[in-house]
Amino acid sequence: MHRSSHRQSERYAKGSQVSVSSFGAVERGHEWYAVFTLPQNEHAVERRLRVLEIESFLPTFEVTRVWKNRQRAKINIPLFPTYLFVRMGLANRWRVLDSPGVVSIVGNSNGPTPIASEEIEFLRSDFCKSKAEPYSEVSMGERVRIKYGPMSGVEGVLVRKKGALRFVLNLELINCCAAVEVDAKDVEPIPI
């Protein structure tokens, strides 16, 4: 750990919010934000942020591509094209914005807008990792809440696709959705 980051972690020691970064350092007051990148630069931006020791998360899903020579390959592509997520304090946003490939941090006229940590933890969960896929057909459906497991309390819309039930999480801030297959027993309707 660099001296400046050590001093910074000591400075945050008096705060009330605590998070542990992927690098093992305790960080206080950091929240998740969506970062808008140049097209097809999500992986490169994530690698650069890791070098800068900024916790980042790029949700991906696996697809099989057939190349011109008819060979098949499984590749991981971003679940939300041109977006990834970072956990940071607002004082560090310049380090993110200075990274090659970063266009902006999603927000409004008041500055960057944090994303609920429950939504990010849902996307990072083992429950979601192997089952999530992009979902672009936002249709009318019943709003539900996950009842059991580490993602209990996360809300979304229940839809059907190919006979299976899918839980659609809508990240309103970036206007993107992701769908995960669920069992009917794992969700409950949200009272109106």
C-alpha atoms as a PDB file:
ATOM      1  CA  MET A   1       0.000   0.000   0.000  1.00  0.00           C
ATOM      2  CA  HIS A   2       1.296   3.438  -0.864  1.00  0.00           C
ATOM      3  CA  ARG A   3       1.838   5.933   1.931  1.00  0.00           C
ATOM      4  CA  SER A   4      -0.787   8.318   0.571  1.00  0.00           C
ATOM      5  CA  SER A   5      -3.449   5.584   0.376  1.00  0.00           C
ATOM      6  CA  HIS A   6      -2.481   4.442   3.900  1.00  0.00           C
ATOM      7  CA  ARG A   7      -2.950   7.980   5.184  1.00  0.00           C
ATOM      8  CA  GLN A   8      -6.202   8.216   3.290  1.00  0.00           C
ATOM      9  CA  SER A   9      -7.525   4.999   4.865  1.00  0.00           C
ATOM     10  CA  GLU A  10      -6.574   6.367   8.298  1.00  0.00           C
ATOM     11  CA  ARG A  11      -8.403   9.590   7.480  1.00  0.00           C
ATOM     12  CA  TYR A  12     -11.585   7.603   6.705  1.00  0.00           C
ATOM     13  CA  ALA A  13     -11.277   5.631   9.953  1.00  0.00           C
ATOM     14  CA  LYS A  14     -13.686   8.007  11.701  1.00  0.00           C
ATOM     15  CA  GLY A  15     -16.503   7.585   9.091  1.00  0.00           C
ATOM     16  CA  SER A  16     -19.540   5.412   9.559  1.00  0.00           C
ATOM     17  CA  GLN A  17     -19.733   3.481   6.281  1.00  0.00           C
ATOM     18  CA  VAL A  18     -17.163   0.737   5.795  1.00  0.00           C
ATOM     19  CA  SER A  19     -16.428  -1.360   2.737  1.00  0.00           C
ATOM     20  CA  VAL A  20     -13.633  -3.752   1.962  1.00  0.00           C
ATOM     21  CA  SER A  21     -12.093  -3.354  -1.477  1.00  0.00           C
ATOM     22  CA  SER A  22     -10.934  -6.261  -3.600  1.00  0.00           C
ATOM     23  CA  PHE A  23      -7.381  -5.255  -2.638  1.00  0.00           C
ATOM     24  CA  GLY A  24      -8.014  -5.854   1.059  1.00  0.00           C
ATOM     25  CA  ALA A  25      -7.852  -2.213   2.149  1.00  0.00           C
ATOM     26  CA  VAL A  26     -10.668  -0.857   4.281  1.00  0.00           C
ATOM     27  CA  GLU A  27     -12.383   2.053   2.596  1.00  0.00           C
ATOM     28  CA  ARG A  28     -15.005   4.238   4.185  1.00  0.00           C
ATOM     29  CA  GLY A  29     -17.784   6.176   2.473  1.00  0.00           C
ATOM     30  CA  HIS A  30     -17.240   4.567  -0.922  1.00  0.00           C
ATOM     31  CA  GLU A  31     -20.245   3.840  -3.110  1.00  0.00           C
ATOM     32  CA  TRP A  32     -20.870   2.121  -6.445  1.00  0.00           C
ATOM     33  CA  TYR A  33     -21.155   4.233  -9.594  1.00  0.00           C
ATOM     34  CA  ALA A  34     -21.777   3.390 -13.251  1.00  0.00           C
ATOM     35  CA  VAL A  35     -18.982   4.381 -15.633  1.00  0.00           C
ATOM     36  CA  PHE A  36     -19.802   5.031 -19.293  1.00  0.00           C
ATOM     37  CA  THR A  37     -17.002   3.885 -21.638  1.00  0.00           C
ATOM     38  CA  LEU A  38     -16.194   4.084 -25.308  1.00  0.00           C
ATOM     39  CA  PRO A  39     -17.777   1.167 -27.221  1.00  0.00           C
ATOM     40  CA  GLN A  40     -15.884  -2.118 -26.843  1.00  0.00           C
ATOM     41  CA  ASN A  41     -13.512  -0.623 -24.237  1.00  0.00           C
ATOM     42  CA  GLU A  42     -15.125  -2.086 -21.107  1.00  0.00           C
ATOM     43  CA  HIS A  43     -12.506  -4.815 -20.539  1.00  0.00           C
ATOM     44  CA  ALA A  44      -9.570  -2.453 -21.128  1.00  0.00           C
ATOM     45  CA  VAL A  45     -11.008   0.154 -18.743  1.00  0.00           C
ATOM     46  CA  GLU A  46     -11.562  -2.502 -16.067  1.00  0.00           C
ATOM     47  CA  ARG A  47      -7.953  -3.693 -16.377  1.00  0.00           C
ATOM     48  CA  ARG A  48      -6.685  -0.105 -16.124  1.00  0.00           C
ATOM     49  CA  LEU A  49      -8.787   0.595 -13.020  1.00  0.00           C
ATOM     50  CA  ARG A  50      -7.436  -2.547 -11.340  1.00  0.00           C
ATOM     51  CA  VAL A  51      -3.890  -1.294 -12.010  1.00  0.00           C
ATOM     52  CA  LEU A  52      -4.910   1.969 -10.314  1.00  0.00           C
ATOM     53  CA  GLU A  53      -6.275  -0.097  -7.394  1.00  0.00           C
ATOM     54  CA  ILE A  54      -9.824   1.125  -7.931  1.00  0.00           C
ATOM     55  CA  GLU A  55     -12.389  -1.575  -7.259  1.00  0.00           C
ATOM     56  CA  SER A  56     -14.356  -2.250 -10.415  1.00  0.00           C
ATOM     57  CA  PHE A  57     -16.901  -4.749 -11.633  1.00  0.00           C
ATOM     58  CA  LEU A  58     -17.747  -5.637 -15.229  1.00  0.00           C
ATOM     59  CA  PRO A  59     -20.730  -8.013 -15.390  1.00  0.00           C
ATOM     60  CA  THR A  60     -20.355 -10.396 -18.334  1.00  0.00           C
ATOM     61  CA  PHE A  61     -22.111 -13.365 -19.851  1.00  0.00           C
ATOM     62  CA  GLU A  62     -20.839 -16.186 -22.011  1.00  0.00           C
ATOM     63  CA  VAL A  63     -21.823 -16.557 -25.667  1.00  0.00           C
ATOM     64  CA  THR A  64     -20.697 -18.903 -28.396  1.00  0.00           C
ATOM     65  CA  ARG A  65     -19.465 -17.141 -31.514  1.00  0.00           C
ATOM     66  CA  VAL A  66     -18.873 -18.748 -34.883  1.00  0.00           C
ATOM     67  CA  TRP A  67     -15.924 -17.212 -36.738  1.00  0.00           C
ATOM     68  CA  LYS A  68     -15.536 -16.960 -40.523  1.00  0.00           C
ATOM     69  CA  ASN A  69     -13.498 -20.172 -40.555  1.00  0.00           C
ATOM     70  CA  ARG A  70     -16.517 -21.898 -38.879  1.00  0.00           C
ATOM     71  CA  GLN A  71     -14.727 -22.431 -35.608  1.00  0.00           C
ATOM     72  CA  ARG A  72     -16.743 -21.923 -32.465  1.00  0.00           C
ATOM     73  CA  ALA A  73     -15.431 -20.064 -29.464  1.00  0.00           C
ATOM     74  CA  LYS A  74     -16.973 -19.187 -26.128  1.00  0.00           C
ATOM     75  CA  ILE A  75     -16.330 -15.582 -25.168  1.00  0.00           C
ATOM     76  CA  ASN A  76     -17.411 -13.312 -22.314  1.00  0.00           C
ATOM     77  CA  ILE A  77     -19.047 -10.090 -23.395  1.00  0.00           C
ATOM     78  CA  PRO A  78     -20.363  -7.234 -21.227  1.00  0.00           C
ATOM     79  CA  LEU A  79     -23.858  -7.675 -19.858  1.00  0.00           C
ATOM     80  CA  PHE A  80     -24.386  -3.916 -20.216  1.00  0.00           C
ATOM     81  CA  PRO A  81     -22.456  -2.707 -23.299  1.00  0.00           C
ATOM     82  CA  THR A  82     -20.403   0.481 -22.661  1.00  0.00           C
ATOM     83  CA  TYR A  83     -20.929   0.321 -18.872  1.00  0.00           C
ATOM     84  CA  LEU A  84     -18.996  -0.994 -15.908  1.00  0.00           C
ATOM     85  CA  PHE A  85     -19.204  -0.230 -12.211  1.00  0.00           C
ATOM     86  CA  VAL A  86     -16.676   1.221  -9.770  1.00  0.00           C
ATOM     87  CA  ARG A  87     -16.672   1.604  -5.996  1.00  0.00           C
ATOM     88  CA  MET A  88     -15.045   4.876  -5.074  1.00  0.00           C
ATOM     89  CA  GLY A  89     -15.209   8.001  -3.010  1.00  0.00           C
ATOM     90  CA  LEU A  90     -16.078  11.152  -4.924  1.00  0.00           C
ATOM     91  CA  ALA A  91     -12.610  12.530  -4.174  1.00  0.00           C
ATOM     92  CA  ASN A  92     -11.158   9.823  -6.444  1.00  0.00           C
ATOM     93  CA  ARG A  93     -13.432  10.379  -9.440  1.00  0.00           C
ATOM     94  CA  TRP A  94     -10.713  12.242 -11.352  1.00  0.00           C
ATOM     95  CA  ARG A  95      -8.605   9.048 -11.348  1.00  0.00           C
ATOM     96  CA  VAL A  96     -11.475   7.203 -12.999  1.00  0.00           C
ATOM     97  CA  LEU A  97     -12.217   9.978 -15.488  1.00  0.00           C
ATOM     98  CA  ASP A  98      -8.533  10.206 -16.474  1.00  0.00           C
ATOM     99  CA  SER A  99      -8.442   6.524 -17.453  1.00  0.00           C
ATOM    100  CA  PRO A 100      -8.253   5.908 -21.228  1.00  0.00           C
ATOM    101  CA  GLY A 101     -11.604   4.764 -22.616  1.00  0.00           C
ATOM    102  CA  VAL A 102     -13.731   6.393 -19.894  1.00  0.00           C
ATOM    103  CA  VAL A 103     -16.293   8.885 -21.209  1.00  0.00           C
ATOM    104  CA  SER A 104     -18.078   9.819 -17.979  1.00  0.00           C
ATOM    105  CA  ILE A 105     -19.449   8.726 -14.630  1.00  0.00           C
ATOM    106  CA  VAL A 106     -23.219   8.419 -14.859  1.00  0.00           C
ATOM    107  CA  GLY A 107     -25.106  11.034 -12.897  1.00  0.00           C
ATOM    108  CA  ASN A 108     -27.088  14.214 -13.169  1.00  0.00           C
ATOM    109  CA  SER A 109     -26.421  17.948 -12.881  1.00  0.00           C
ATOM    110  CA  ASN A 110     -25.526  17.473  -9.202  1.00  0.00           C
ATOM    111  CA  GLY A 111     -22.720  15.043 -10.033  1.00  0.00           C
ATOM    112  CA  PRO A 112     -22.308  11.257 -10.121  1.00  0.00           C
ATOM    113  CA  THR A 113     -25.293   9.271  -8.872  1.00  0.00           C
ATOM    114  CA  PRO A 114     -24.588   6.176  -6.718  1.00  0.00           C
ATOM    115  CA  ILE A 115     -26.167   2.818  -7.502  1.00  0.00           C
ATOM    116  CA  ALA A 116     -27.757   0.765  -4.734  1.00  0.00           C
ATOM    117  CA  SER A 117     -25.182  -1.706  -3.434  1.00  0.00           C
ATOM    118  CA  GLU A 118     -27.899  -4.412  -3.319  1.00  0.00           C
ATOM    119  CA  GLU A 119     -28.211  -4.233  -7.127  1.00  0.00           C
ATOM    120  CA  ILE A 120     -24.451  -4.592  -7.621  1.00  0.00           C
ATOM    121  CA  GLU A 121     -24.237  -7.439  -5.104  1.00  0.00           C
ATOM    122  CA  PHE A 122     -27.070  -9.185  -6.953  1.00  0.00           C
ATOM    123  CA  LEU A 123     -25.101  -8.941 -10.227  1.00  0.00           C
ATOM    124  CA  ARG A 124     -21.926 -10.183  -8.478  1.00  0.00           C
ATOM    125  CA  SER A 125     -23.646 -13.111  -6.742  1.00  0.00           C
ATOM    126  CA  ASP A 126     -23.089 -16.745  -7.707  1.00  0.00           C
ATOM    127  CA  PHE A 127     -26.839 -16.884  -8.276  1.00  0.00           C
ATOM    128  CA  CYS A 128     -26.523 -14.386 -11.120  1.00  0.00           C
ATOM    129  CA  LYS A 129     -23.036 -15.118 -12.543  1.00  0.00           C
ATOM    130  CA  SER A 130     -23.782 -18.115 -14.712  1.00  0.00           C
ATOM    131  CA  LYS A 131     -27.421 -17.345 -15.449  1.00  0.00           C
ATOM    132  CA  ALA A 132     -27.581 -13.633 -16.334  1.00  0.00           C
ATOM    133  CA  GLU A 133     -28.084 -12.446 -19.883  1.00  0.00           C
ATOM    134  CA  PRO A 134     -29.074  -9.125 -21.448  1.00  0.00           C
ATOM    135  CA  TYR A 135     -32.759  -8.406 -21.552  1.00  0.00           C
ATOM    136  CA  SER A 136     -34.056  -5.762 -23.926  1.00  0.00           C
ATOM    137  CA  GLU A 137     -37.763  -6.603 -24.119  1.00  0.00           C
ATOM    138  CA  VAL A 138     -39.089  -4.678 -21.157  1.00  0.00           C
ATOM    139  CA  SER A 139     -42.677  -5.849 -21.075  1.00  0.00           C
ATOM    140  CA  MET A 140     -45.428  -5.423 -18.589  1.00  0.00           C
ATOM    141  CA  GLY A 141     -45.047  -7.960 -15.831  1.00  0.00           C
ATOM    142  CA  GLU A 142     -45.643  -8.409 -12.167  1.00  0.00           C
ATOM    143  CA  ARG A 143     -43.186  -6.674  -9.855  1.00  0.00           C
ATOM    144  CA  VAL A 144     -41.678  -9.214  -7.488  1.00  0.00           C
ATOM    145  CA  ARG A 145     -39.114  -9.502  -4.713  1.00  0.00           C
ATOM    146  CA  ILE A 146     -36.630 -12.329  -4.175  1.00  0.00           C
ATOM    147  CA  LYS A 147     -37.566 -14.065  -0.894  1.00  0.00           C
ATOM    148  CA  TYR A 148     -34.641 -16.368  -0.148  1.00  0.00           C
ATOM    149  CA  GLY A 149     -30.879 -16.502  -0.255  1.00  0.00           C
ATOM    150  CA  PRO A 150     -28.215 -13.821  -0.348  1.00  0.00           C
ATOM    151  CA  MET A 151     -30.262 -11.676  -2.731  1.00  0.00           C
ATOM    152  CA  SER A 152     -33.415 -11.578  -0.646  1.00  0.00           C
ATOM    153  CA  GLY A 153     -35.138  -8.223  -0.898  1.00  0.00           C
ATOM    154  CA  VAL A 154     -33.955  -7.347  -4.433  1.00  0.00           C
ATOM    155  CA  GLU A 155     -36.923  -6.202  -6.539  1.00  0.00           C
ATOM    156  CA  GLY A 156     -37.580  -6.625 -10.243  1.00  0.00           C
ATOM    157  CA  VAL A 157     -40.128  -7.788 -12.812  1.00  0.00           C
ATOM    158  CA  LEU A 158     -41.154 -11.398 -13.423  1.00  0.00           C
ATOM    159  CA  VAL A 159     -41.426 -12.429 -17.103  1.00  0.00           C
ATOM    160  CA  ARG A 160     -41.524 -15.660 -19.123  1.00  0.00           C
ATOM    161  CA  LYS A 161     -39.010 -16.668 -21.788  1.00  0.00           C
ATOM    162  CA  LYS A 162     -39.102 -20.070 -23.477  1.00  0.00           C
ATOM    163  CA  GLY A 163     -41.403 -21.410 -20.770  1.00  0.00           C
ATOM    164  CA  ALA A 164     -39.056 -20.476 -17.883  1.00  0.00           C
ATOM    165  CA  LEU A 165     -39.574 -17.743 -15.324  1.00  0.00           C
ATOM    166  CA  ARG A 166     -37.028 -14.943 -15.409  1.00  0.00           C
ATOM    167  CA  PHE A 167     -36.337 -12.216 -12.869  1.00  0.00           C
ATOM    168  CA  VAL A 168     -35.534  -8.938 -14.653  1.00  0.00           C
ATOM    169  CA  LEU A 169     -33.423  -6.425 -12.756  1.00  0.00           C
ATOM    170  CA  ASN A 170     -33.753  -2.920 -14.196  1.00  0.00           C
ATOM    171  CA  LEU A 171     -30.840  -0.572 -13.479  1.00  0.00           C
ATOM    172  CA  GLU A 172     -32.797   2.627 -14.038  1.00  0.00           C
ATOM    173  CA  LEU A 173     -29.756   4.888 -13.838  1.00  0.00           C
ATOM    174  CA  ILE A 174     -28.196   3.400 -16.974  1.00  0.00           C
ATOM    175  CA  ASN A 175     -31.502   2.300 -18.543  1.00  0.00           C
ATOM    176  CA  CYS A 176     -30.400  -1.347 -18.897  1.00  0.00           C
ATOM    177  CA  CYS A 177     -31.887  -4.645 -17.782  1.00  0.00           C
ATOM    178  CA  ALA A 178     -30.553  -8.101 -16.999  1.00  0.00           C
ATOM    179  CA  ALA A 179     -32.589 -11.303 -16.724  1.00  0.00           C
ATOM    180  CA  VAL A 180     -31.899 -14.293 -14.478  1.00  0.00           C
ATOM    181  CA  GLU A 181     -33.812 -17.569 -14.460  1.00  0.00           C
ATOM    182  CA  VAL A 182     -35.589 -18.168 -11.141  1.00  0.00           C
ATOM    183  CA  ASP A 183     -37.948 -20.642  -9.534  1.00  0.00           C
ATOM    184  CA  ALA A 184     -41.457 -19.443  -8.732  1.00  0.00           C
ATOM    185  CA  LYS A 185     -40.946 -20.421  -5.074  1.00  0.00           C
ATOM    186  CA  ASP A 186     -38.039 -17.978  -4.746  1.00  0.00           C
ATOM    187  CA  VAL A 187     -40.061 -14.823  -5.480  1.00  0.00           C
ATOM    188  CA  GLU A 188     -43.054 -13.095  -3.970  1.00  0.00           C
ATOM    189  CA  PRO A 189     -45.328 -10.381  -5.370  1.00  0.00           C
ATOM    190  CA  ILE A 190     -44.786  -6.853  -4.100  1.00  0.00           C
ATOM    191  CA  PRO A 191     -47.933  -5.462  -2.483  1.00  0.00           C
ATOM    192  CA  ILE A 192     -49.306  -2.391  -4.212  1.00  0.00           C
END
